[in-house]
Amino acid sequence: MIVDDRVKIRCPSCGHVIRENASRVRDGFQVNCNNCNKLITLSKETEDPFLRRALKAAKEVRAAKEDELMARVYGRVASTPTRETP
């Protein structure tokens, strides 16, 4: 399963969409809009639904990546081949 690890953040002032790495997007994360150069601060208490949606999407992507990692690590069969007895 391939998971896109980037999240779309929509600027509240100009509407420009910024794509940011999901591992960086957390509560309190700040990014500058490339279009209007406004500082965007992501917070759970914000009134803007697009910023809350970006936080939620980032959390879901991080959880999916962690599940994928755990499945790869713990879901494997023993890495050494079985020994054949003559």
Protein backbone atom coordinates (compact mmCIF):
# COMPACT_ATOMS: atom_id res chain seq x y z
CA MET A 1 0.00 0.00 0.00
CA ILE A 2 1.43 3.36 -1.03
CA VAL A 3 0.42 6.34 1.07
CA ASP A 4 0.93 9.91 -0.13
CA ASP A 5 2.71 11.60 2.75
CA ARG A 6 1.83 15.18 1.81
CA VAL A 7 -1.13 17.18 3.10
CA LYS A 8 -2.91 20.08 1.42
CA ILE A 9 -3.14 23.29 3.48
CA ARG A 10 -5.39 26.04 2.12
CA CYS A 11 -4.42 29.63 2.90
CA PRO A 12 -7.32 31.39 4.67
CA SER A 13 -6.60 34.78 3.10
CA CYS A 14 -5.91 34.02 -0.58
CA GLY A 15 -7.10 30.41 -1.01
CA HIS A 16 -3.77 29.17 -2.38
CA VAL A 17 -3.12 25.47 -1.64
CA ILE A 18 0.19 24.51 -0.07
CA ARG A 19 1.37 20.89 0.07
CA GLU A 20 3.40 20.05 3.15
CA ASN A 21 4.92 16.86 4.53
CA ALA A 22 2.45 15.16 6.92
CA SER A 23 5.15 14.33 9.45
CA ARG A 24 5.73 18.07 10.00
CA VAL A 25 2.07 19.16 10.16
CA ARG A 26 1.02 19.18 13.81
CA ASP A 27 -0.75 21.50 16.22
CA GLY A 28 1.25 24.74 16.37
CA PHE A 29 2.97 24.22 13.00
CA GLN A 30 3.60 27.43 11.05
CA VAL A 31 4.12 27.83 7.31
CA ASN A 32 4.29 30.84 4.98
CA CYS A 33 1.89 31.04 2.05
CA ASN A 34 3.89 31.13 -1.19
CA ASN A 35 1.29 33.37 -2.84
CA CYS A 36 0.50 36.11 -0.30
CA ASN A 37 3.43 35.52 2.12
CA LYS A 38 1.10 35.33 5.12
CA LEU A 39 2.15 33.20 8.10
CA ILE A 40 -0.35 30.36 8.62
CA THR A 41 -0.47 28.79 12.08
CA LEU A 42 -2.25 25.46 12.38
CA SER A 43 -4.21 24.96 15.58
CA LYS A 44 -6.98 22.63 16.70
CA GLU A 45 -8.96 25.60 18.03
CA THR A 46 -9.02 27.52 14.74
CA GLU A 47 -12.32 28.51 13.18
CA ASP A 48 -11.15 27.68 9.64
CA PRO A 49 -12.41 24.20 8.67
CA PHE A 50 -9.70 23.81 6.00
CA LEU A 51 -6.92 24.14 8.58
CA ARG A 52 -8.64 21.67 10.93
CA ARG A 53 -9.07 19.28 8.01
CA ALA A 54 -5.34 19.55 7.21
CA LEU A 55 -4.47 18.64 10.81
CA LYS A 56 -6.86 15.69 10.74
CA ALA A 57 -5.54 14.45 7.37
CA ALA A 58 -1.94 14.70 8.62
CA LYS A 59 -2.83 12.67 11.71
CA GLU A 60 -4.49 9.99 9.55
CA VAL A 61 -1.50 9.83 7.18
CA ARG A 62 0.93 9.46 10.09
CA ALA A 63 -1.22 6.66 11.57
CA ALA A 64 -1.39 4.87 8.20
CA LYS A 65 2.39 5.12 7.75
CA GLU A 66 2.93 3.75 11.26
CA ASP A 67 0.53 0.86 10.60
CA GLU A 68 2.34 0.09 7.35
CA LEU A 69 5.68 0.11 9.15
CA MET A 70 4.40 -2.19 11.91
CA ALA A 71 2.95 -4.59 9.34
CA ARG A 72 6.30 -4.74 7.54
CA VAL A 73 8.28 -5.25 10.74
CA TYR A 74 6.03 -7.66 12.64
CA GLY A 75 4.15 -9.28 9.76
CA ARG A 76 7.13 -11.04 8.26
CA VAL A 77 7.85 -14.71 8.51
CA ALA A 78 11.25 -15.56 9.94
CA SER A 79 13.93 -14.04 7.75
CA THR A 80 16.20 -17.09 7.82
CA PRO A 81 15.31 -19.98 5.51
CA THR A 82 14.15 -23.19 7.13
CA ARG A 83 16.83 -25.83 7.52
CA GLU A 84 16.40 -29.04 5.62
CA THR A 85 17.51 -32.21 7.36
CA PRO A 86 19.10 -34.89 5.18
